[in-house]
Each structure stands twice: as C-alpha cells, then as structure tokens.
Amino acid sequence: MKDAVTGGASLPWHDGAAVMDAVYWKLTAPQRSDFILRYFQVSTGVEAVIEDMRGTLTSEARIQLAAILQQVSNGLLKDG
C-alpha cells in the first residue's frame, strides 16, 4: 500500500516501532497528541493498556516506563 506519510513507500504494518518511526516526525505536536489520545480512546480499558505497555519489555524497562508514566500522570493532575 502506498502512503503519503512515507513518501510513497509501504508502511511496515507488521512492525509497530517502524510505523511510529515513519509517522512521528511527520506529525505536529497537536497531531501527536491526537495520535496518543486516540490510542486510549480505542483501548478496551486499563488492563489492555497495561498489557500493551508491558509488551516485550524487560522488568527493568517496565519499571522505567512506569516511572515515566507516573511523572506524566503527576504532571497532568497538577494541571487539573
């Protein structure tokens, strides 16, 4: 499938990280926000998000991700 985002190349739909790499830098900050927020809108709930975030991460990487997400959460709550 040809795609304007990748300059005519097919997106590697089998590789989520590669798809993100292909589109991330093409998006403006508001578009990236919409992209991320849409993930949470289409997710089936907290457990599904946890499973997606866990992915194939090592225990150490999961701890690091959890710390980042906790900081994000704190920042969002501070704005509220």
Protein backbone atom coordinates (compact mmCIF):
# COMPACT_ATOMS: atom_id res chain seq x y z
CA MET A 1 0.00 0.00 0.00
CA LYS A 2 1.40 3.40 -0.98
CA ASP A 3 1.31 6.04 1.72
CA ALA A 4 1.85 9.81 1.53
CA VAL A 5 3.40 9.80 5.00
CA THR A 6 6.32 7.63 3.92
CA GLY A 7 6.84 9.32 0.54
CA GLY A 8 5.19 6.55 -1.43
CA ALA A 9 6.73 3.58 0.36
CA SER A 10 4.57 0.97 2.04
CA LEU A 11 4.26 1.20 5.81
CA PRO A 12 5.64 -1.83 7.64
CA TRP A 13 2.36 -2.65 9.40
CA HIS A 14 3.92 -5.76 10.96
CA ASP A 15 6.36 -3.57 12.95
CA GLY A 16 4.72 -1.10 15.32
CA ALA A 17 8.00 0.63 16.18
CA ALA A 18 8.79 1.16 12.49
CA VAL A 19 5.30 2.56 11.85
CA MET A 20 5.82 5.01 14.73
CA ASP A 21 9.21 5.99 13.33
CA ALA A 22 7.64 6.59 9.91
CA VAL A 23 4.89 8.88 11.18
CA TYR A 24 6.14 10.52 14.38
CA TRP A 25 8.35 13.17 12.78
CA LYS A 26 5.70 13.95 10.16
CA LEU A 27 3.17 14.97 12.83
CA THR A 28 2.84 18.34 14.52
CA ALA A 29 2.64 18.48 18.31
CA PRO A 30 -1.20 18.68 18.25
CA GLN A 31 -1.34 15.76 15.79
CA ARG A 32 0.95 13.68 18.06
CA SER A 33 -1.35 14.47 20.97
CA ASP A 34 -4.38 13.34 18.94
CA PHE A 35 -2.48 10.18 17.93
CA ILE A 36 -1.66 9.28 21.53
CA LEU A 37 -5.09 10.21 22.89
CA ARG A 38 -6.77 8.13 20.19
CA TYR A 39 -4.88 5.05 21.42
CA PHE A 40 -6.53 5.47 24.82
CA GLN A 41 -9.93 6.08 23.23
CA VAL A 42 -9.83 2.85 21.23
CA SER A 43 -8.28 0.79 24.01
CA THR A 44 -10.55 -1.63 25.81
CA GLY A 45 -9.55 -0.49 29.30
CA VAL A 46 -6.77 -0.20 31.84
CA GLU A 47 -5.78 -3.87 31.73
CA ALA A 48 -5.43 -3.72 27.95
CA VAL A 49 -3.26 -0.60 28.20
CA ILE A 50 -1.09 -2.32 30.82
CA GLU A 51 -0.69 -5.33 28.55
CA ASP A 52 0.16 -3.13 25.57
CA MET A 53 2.64 -1.09 27.58
CA ARG A 54 4.23 -4.23 29.01
CA GLY A 55 4.84 -5.59 25.52
CA THR A 56 8.16 -7.38 25.41
CA LEU A 57 9.87 -5.06 27.88
CA THR A 58 12.27 -6.43 30.44
CA SER A 59 11.42 -5.97 34.11
CA GLU A 60 13.88 -3.08 34.34
CA ALA A 61 12.44 -1.38 31.26
CA ARG A 62 8.89 -1.80 32.65
CA ILE A 63 9.98 -0.12 35.88
CA GLN A 64 11.49 2.76 33.90
CA LEU A 65 8.34 3.11 31.79
CA ALA A 66 6.16 3.04 34.92
CA ALA A 67 8.27 5.84 36.44
CA ILE A 68 7.86 7.94 33.28
CA LEU A 69 4.11 7.32 33.18
CA GLN A 70 3.85 8.24 36.85
CA GLN A 71 5.60 11.55 36.15
CA VAL A 72 3.25 12.14 33.20
CA SER A 73 0.27 11.39 35.44
CA ASN A 74 1.52 13.76 38.13
CA GLY A 75 2.03 16.50 35.55
CA LEU A 76 -1.47 16.02 34.15
CA LEU A 77 -3.02 16.04 37.62
CA LYS A 78 -1.13 19.20 38.52
CA ASP A 79 -2.72 20.96 35.53
CA GLY A 80 -6.19 19.80 36.58
